[in-house]
N, C-alpha and C. Protein backbone atom coordinates (compact mmCIF):
# COMPACT_ATOMS: atom_id res chain seq x y z
N THR A 1 33.82 -61.90 -46.22
CA THR A 1 34.51 -63.35 -46.12
C THR A 1 34.34 -64.33 -47.69
N TYR A 2 35.29 -64.93 -47.80
CA TYR A 2 34.85 -65.31 -49.57
C TYR A 2 33.47 -65.83 -49.17
N ILE A 3 33.45 -66.74 -48.33
CA ILE A 3 32.11 -67.40 -48.77
C ILE A 3 30.90 -66.15 -48.64
N VAL A 4 30.73 -65.14 -47.36
CA VAL A 4 29.24 -64.25 -48.32
C VAL A 4 29.87 -63.74 -49.15
N GLN A 5 30.64 -63.99 -49.66
CA GLN A 5 30.92 -62.66 -51.25
C GLN A 5 30.66 -63.55 -52.16
N GLN A 6 30.86 -64.93 -52.19
CA GLN A 6 30.64 -66.20 -53.36
C GLN A 6 29.34 -66.78 -53.13
N ALA A 7 28.87 -66.60 -52.03
CA ALA A 7 27.80 -66.88 -52.76
C ALA A 7 26.15 -65.79 -52.73
N HIS A 8 27.34 -64.48 -52.14
CA HIS A 8 25.97 -63.19 -52.46
C HIS A 8 25.15 -63.29 -51.55
N LEU A 9 25.66 -63.33 -50.13
CA LEU A 9 24.44 -63.69 -49.16
C LEU A 9 23.98 -62.20 -48.79
N THR A 10 23.13 -61.98 -48.59
CA THR A 10 22.32 -60.85 -47.54
C THR A 10 22.57 -60.14 -46.65
N PRO A 11 22.69 -59.32 -46.30
CA PRO A 11 22.59 -59.25 -45.15
C PRO A 11 21.94 -59.70 -44.01
N GLU A 12 20.85 -59.89 -43.80
CA GLU A 12 20.26 -61.21 -42.96
C GLU A 12 20.97 -62.48 -42.42
N GLU A 13 20.97 -62.94 -43.76
CA GLU A 13 21.65 -64.31 -44.26
C GLU A 13 23.13 -63.98 -43.31
N THR A 14 23.91 -63.13 -43.50
CA THR A 14 25.22 -63.24 -43.53
C THR A 14 25.20 -62.81 -41.93
N ARG A 15 24.28 -62.48 -40.96
CA ARG A 15 24.20 -62.16 -39.84
C ARG A 15 23.75 -63.69 -39.63
N ARG A 16 22.86 -64.09 -39.98
CA ARG A 16 22.32 -65.60 -39.35
C ARG A 16 23.86 -66.73 -39.52
N PHE A 17 23.88 -66.33 -40.99
CA PHE A 17 24.82 -67.77 -41.20
C PHE A 17 26.33 -67.76 -40.74
N VAL A 18 26.62 -66.29 -39.94
CA VAL A 18 28.43 -66.28 -39.84
C VAL A 18 28.52 -66.83 -38.44
N PRO A 19 27.73 -66.61 -37.44
CA PRO A 19 28.01 -67.62 -36.16
C PRO A 19 27.55 -68.89 -36.48
N LEU A 20 26.42 -69.09 -37.04
CA LEU A 20 26.67 -70.55 -37.35
C LEU A 20 28.40 -71.16 -37.76
N TYR A 21 28.33 -70.79 -39.01
CA TYR A 21 29.60 -71.45 -39.63
C TYR A 21 30.98 -71.12 -38.56
N LYS A 22 31.01 -70.67 -37.58
CA LYS A 22 32.26 -70.06 -36.41
C LYS A 22 32.00 -71.21 -35.59
N GLU A 23 30.63 -71.52 -35.34
CA GLU A 23 30.56 -72.76 -34.52
C GLU A 23 31.10 -73.84 -35.22
N MET A 24 30.60 -73.65 -36.20
CA MET A 24 30.91 -75.28 -36.72
C MET A 24 32.37 -75.72 -37.23
N VAL A 25 32.76 -74.66 -37.42
CA VAL A 25 34.64 -74.40 -37.69
C VAL A 25 35.71 -74.89 -36.57
N ALA A 26 34.82 -74.08 -35.25
CA ALA A 26 35.26 -74.39 -33.72
C ALA A 26 35.01 -75.71 -33.95
N LYS A 27 33.74 -76.90 -34.05
CA LYS A 27 33.67 -77.84 -33.25
C LYS A 27 34.64 -78.91 -33.83
N LYS A 28 34.32 -78.11 -35.49
CA LYS A 28 35.19 -79.17 -36.42
C LYS A 28 36.85 -79.42 -36.10
N ARG A 29 37.30 -78.15 -35.75
CA ARG A 29 38.41 -77.72 -35.27
C ARG A 29 39.23 -78.58 -33.50
N LYS A 30 38.30 -78.73 -33.32
CA LYS A 30 38.28 -79.61 -32.05
C LYS A 30 38.64 -81.04 -32.23
N ILE A 31 37.47 -81.57 -33.12
CA ILE A 31 37.22 -82.53 -33.30
C ILE A 31 39.11 -83.52 -34.41
N HIS A 32 39.33 -82.13 -35.33
CA HIS A 32 40.85 -82.04 -36.01
C HIS A 32 42.58 -82.22 -35.33
N GLY A 33 41.63 -81.52 -34.11
CA GLY A 33 42.80 -81.90 -32.84
C GLY A 33 42.63 -83.24 -32.03
N GLN A 34 41.70 -83.40 -31.54
CA GLN A 34 41.61 -85.03 -31.33
C GLN A 34 42.31 -86.02 -32.19
N LEU A 35 42.26 -85.83 -33.63
CA LEU A 35 42.78 -86.80 -34.42
C LEU A 35 44.32 -86.90 -34.93
N ARG A 36 44.51 -85.55 -34.99
CA ARG A 36 45.97 -85.25 -35.27
C ARG A 36 46.58 -85.38 -34.08
N GLN A 37 46.16 -85.88 -32.45
CA GLN A 37 46.91 -86.37 -31.65
C GLN A 37 46.79 -88.17 -31.45
N LEU A 38 45.90 -88.55 -31.90
CA LEU A 38 45.70 -90.43 -31.94
C LEU A 38 46.50 -90.51 -33.11
N ARG A 39 46.80 -89.46 -34.59
CA ARG A 39 47.82 -90.27 -35.28
C ARG A 39 49.04 -89.98 -34.50
N LYS A 40 49.31 -89.34 -33.68
CA LYS A 40 51.10 -89.06 -33.18
C LYS A 40 50.87 -90.75 -31.97
N GLN A 41 49.69 -91.01 -31.79
CA GLN A 41 49.67 -92.72 -30.53
C GLN A 41 50.42 -93.88 -31.73
N SER A 42 51.13 -95.10 -30.79
CA SER A 42 51.08 -96.10 -31.43
C SER A 42 50.91 -97.28 -30.87
N ALA A 43 50.75 -98.42 -31.89
CA ALA A 43 50.05 -99.61 -31.35
C ALA A 43 50.82 -100.59 -31.08
N ASP A 44 51.19 -101.34 -30.22
CA ASP A 44 52.37 -102.70 -30.04
C ASP A 44 51.49 -103.33 -30.42
N ASN A 45 50.13 -103.65 -30.01
CA ASN A 45 49.74 -105.06 -30.05
C ASN A 45 48.44 -105.07 -30.62
N GLU A 46 47.50 -105.95 -31.18
CA GLU A 46 46.36 -106.36 -31.83
C GLU A 46 45.29 -105.16 -31.15
N ARG A 47 45.31 -105.93 -30.20
CA ARG A 47 44.39 -104.37 -29.61
C ARG A 47 43.86 -103.29 -29.30
N ALA A 48 45.60 -103.01 -29.28
CA ALA A 48 45.68 -101.50 -29.09
C ALA A 48 45.74 -101.02 -30.48
N ALA A 49 45.73 -101.64 -31.50
CA ALA A 49 45.77 -101.10 -33.46
C ALA A 49 44.41 -100.88 -33.39
N ARG A 50 43.51 -101.39 -32.44
CA ARG A 50 42.03 -101.90 -33.13
C ARG A 50 41.09 -100.27 -32.65
N ALA A 51 41.63 -100.24 -30.91
CA ALA A 51 41.34 -99.21 -30.37
C ALA A 51 41.18 -98.17 -31.44
N LEU A 52 42.77 -97.91 -31.68
CA LEU A 52 43.09 -96.49 -32.74
C LEU A 52 42.37 -96.31 -33.23
N ILE A 53 41.86 -97.54 -34.01
CA ILE A 53 41.66 -97.67 -35.19
C ILE A 53 40.01 -96.97 -35.25
N GLU A 54 39.00 -98.06 -34.20
CA GLU A 54 38.02 -97.44 -33.58
C GLU A 54 38.04 -96.02 -32.77
N ARG A 55 38.54 -95.61 -32.77
CA ARG A 55 38.62 -93.93 -32.22
C ARG A 55 38.50 -93.27 -32.90
N ARG A 56 39.59 -93.15 -34.00
CA ARG A 56 39.70 -92.51 -35.56
C ARG A 56 38.03 -92.60 -36.20
N ASP A 57 37.98 -93.55 -36.43
CA ASP A 57 36.85 -93.69 -37.37
C ASP A 57 35.87 -93.71 -36.76
N ASN A 58 35.36 -93.37 -35.26
CA ASN A 58 34.29 -93.04 -34.53
C ASN A 58 34.66 -91.13 -34.94
N LEU A 59 35.89 -90.47 -34.45
CA LEU A 59 35.74 -89.49 -34.70
C LEU A 59 35.97 -89.08 -36.04
N GLU A 60 35.91 -89.39 -37.31
CA GLU A 60 35.69 -89.07 -38.35
C GLU A 60 33.95 -88.91 -38.88
N ILE A 61 33.68 -89.88 -38.18
CA ILE A 61 31.91 -90.13 -38.02
C ILE A 61 31.39 -88.24 -37.27
N SER A 62 31.96 -88.28 -36.40
CA SER A 62 31.35 -86.92 -35.83
C SER A 62 31.77 -85.50 -36.59
N MET A 63 32.74 -86.32 -37.02
CA MET A 63 32.92 -84.96 -38.37
C MET A 63 31.98 -84.65 -38.80
N ARG A 64 31.96 -85.53 -39.55
CA ARG A 64 30.52 -85.81 -40.55
C ARG A 64 29.46 -85.52 -40.13
N GLN A 65 28.98 -86.22 -38.65
CA GLN A 65 28.25 -85.59 -37.61
C GLN A 65 27.73 -83.69 -37.95
N VAL A 66 28.50 -83.62 -37.49
CA VAL A 66 28.70 -81.57 -36.74
C VAL A 66 28.42 -81.44 -38.22
N GLU A 67 29.21 -81.72 -39.32
CA GLU A 67 29.14 -81.09 -40.81
C GLU A 67 27.30 -80.98 -41.24
N ARG A 68 26.88 -82.30 -41.18
CA ARG A 68 25.66 -82.64 -40.84
C ARG A 68 24.59 -81.90 -40.80
N ASP A 69 24.55 -81.94 -38.81
CA ASP A 69 23.88 -80.98 -38.08
C ASP A 69 24.21 -79.10 -38.53
N TYR A 70 25.39 -78.79 -39.41
CA TYR A 70 25.12 -77.88 -39.12
C TYR A 70 24.94 -77.04 -40.20
N HIS A 71 24.75 -77.69 -40.93
CA HIS A 71 23.87 -77.45 -42.59
C HIS A 71 22.70 -77.76 -43.01
N LEU A 72 22.22 -78.48 -41.96
CA LEU A 72 20.86 -78.87 -42.23
C LEU A 72 20.20 -77.20 -41.40
N ARG A 73 20.88 -76.81 -40.39
CA ARG A 73 21.20 -75.05 -39.66
C ARG A 73 20.91 -74.42 -41.21
N MET A 74 22.59 -74.21 -41.19
CA MET A 74 22.49 -73.27 -42.51
C MET A 74 20.83 -73.38 -43.47
N LEU A 75 21.06 -74.59 -43.93
CA LEU A 75 19.84 -74.23 -44.82
C LEU A 75 18.53 -73.83 -44.49
N LYS A 76 17.98 -73.39 -43.34
CA LYS A 76 17.23 -72.41 -42.84
C LYS A 76 17.85 -71.43 -42.92
N VAL A 77 18.69 -70.87 -42.91
CA VAL A 77 19.22 -69.18 -43.41
C VAL A 77 19.02 -69.13 -44.64
N MET A 78 19.52 -69.98 -45.59
CA MET A 78 20.07 -69.61 -47.18
C MET A 78 19.60 -71.15 -48.06
N SER A 79 19.99 -70.92 -49.16
CA SER A 79 19.50 -71.61 -49.85
C SER A 79 20.24 -72.85 -50.39
N ALA A 80 20.10 -73.82 -50.70
CA ALA A 80 21.09 -74.94 -50.76
C ALA A 80 22.18 -74.51 -51.57
N VAL A 81 22.00 -73.48 -52.83
CA VAL A 81 22.47 -72.92 -53.61
C VAL A 81 23.87 -72.46 -53.20
N LYS A 82 23.19 -71.66 -52.44
CA LYS A 82 24.29 -70.66 -51.67
C LYS A 82 25.42 -71.05 -50.37
N LEU A 83 24.64 -72.44 -50.35
CA LEU A 83 25.39 -73.29 -49.13
C LEU A 83 26.50 -73.53 -49.76
N LYS A 84 26.21 -74.14 -51.25
CA LYS A 84 27.54 -75.37 -51.79
C LYS A 84 28.74 -74.11 -52.00
N ALA A 85 28.48 -72.67 -51.95
CA ALA A 85 30.02 -71.58 -51.79
C ALA A 85 30.52 -72.10 -50.22
N GLU A 86 29.48 -72.79 -49.30
CA GLU A 86 31.12 -72.84 -48.14
C GLU A 86 31.27 -74.12 -48.26
N ARG A 87 30.92 -75.42 -48.94
CA ARG A 87 31.57 -75.93 -49.20
C ARG A 87 32.67 -76.21 -50.68
N LYS A 88 32.35 -75.71 -51.21
CA LYS A 88 33.81 -75.28 -52.72
C LYS A 88 34.53 -74.15 -51.62
N PHE A 89 34.82 -73.54 -50.47
CA PHE A 89 35.27 -72.72 -49.56
C PHE A 89 36.47 -73.90 -48.77
N HIS A 90 35.11 -74.99 -48.58
CA HIS A 90 36.62 -76.24 -48.00
C HIS A 90 37.62 -76.70 -48.82
N ARG A 91 36.50 -77.24 -49.85
CA ARG A 91 37.98 -77.55 -50.69
C ARG A 91 38.87 -76.88 -51.06
N MET A 92 38.56 -75.87 -51.47
CA MET A 92 39.82 -74.94 -51.84
C MET A 92 40.68 -75.11 -50.32
N LYS A 93 40.33 -74.50 -49.56
CA LYS A 93 41.38 -74.55 -48.48
C LYS A 93 42.01 -75.92 -48.49
N PHE A 94 41.48 -76.86 -48.04
CA PHE A 94 41.99 -78.44 -47.95
C PHE A 94 43.34 -78.82 -49.00
N ARG A 95 42.41 -77.88 -50.69
CA ARG A 95 43.48 -78.00 -51.53
C ARG A 95 44.79 -76.94 -51.06
N LYS A 96 44.91 -75.90 -50.82
CA LYS A 96 45.80 -75.21 -50.38
C LYS A 96 46.74 -75.87 -48.96
N ALA A 97 46.01 -76.31 -48.11
CA ALA A 97 46.60 -76.55 -47.20
C ALA A 97 47.69 -78.35 -47.62
N ALA A 98 47.03 -79.25 -48.68
CA ALA A 98 47.81 -79.97 -49.01
C ALA A 98 48.81 -79.84 -50.14
N ARG A 99 48.73 -78.29 -50.36
CA ARG A 99 49.66 -78.16 -51.25
C ARG A 99 51.31 -77.43 -50.33
N ASN A 100 50.62 -77.58 -49.30
CA ASN A 100 51.98 -76.03 -48.30
C ASN A 100 52.22 -77.61 -47.09
N GLY A 101 51.38 -78.89 -47.93
CA GLY A 101 52.46 -80.12 -46.61
C GLY A 101 51.67 -80.05 -45.81
N HIS A 102 50.76 -78.83 -44.87
CA HIS A 102 49.71 -78.99 -43.56
C HIS A 102 49.11 -80.59 -43.74
């Protein structure tokens, strides 16, 4: 994968990193799906609007917590310098999705 190549992971680091990475991505996708569903909802009064805002904020916080938790676990597998490749990969994917209108 891109991350393994860019970070120059050893076979042992790869063996330990890839399952963590896949778990993190799965959890983030689930939260992202919830955010996407939330964006489709409308609020026709103050109370409903407030509830949607609070739910969105909580989901975004959950997303960051997942990232933080997994980054801490990944730092036990590889150096911070190597982990930066994972962040670079996500920024690259985000930019590509933004260009494609996703």
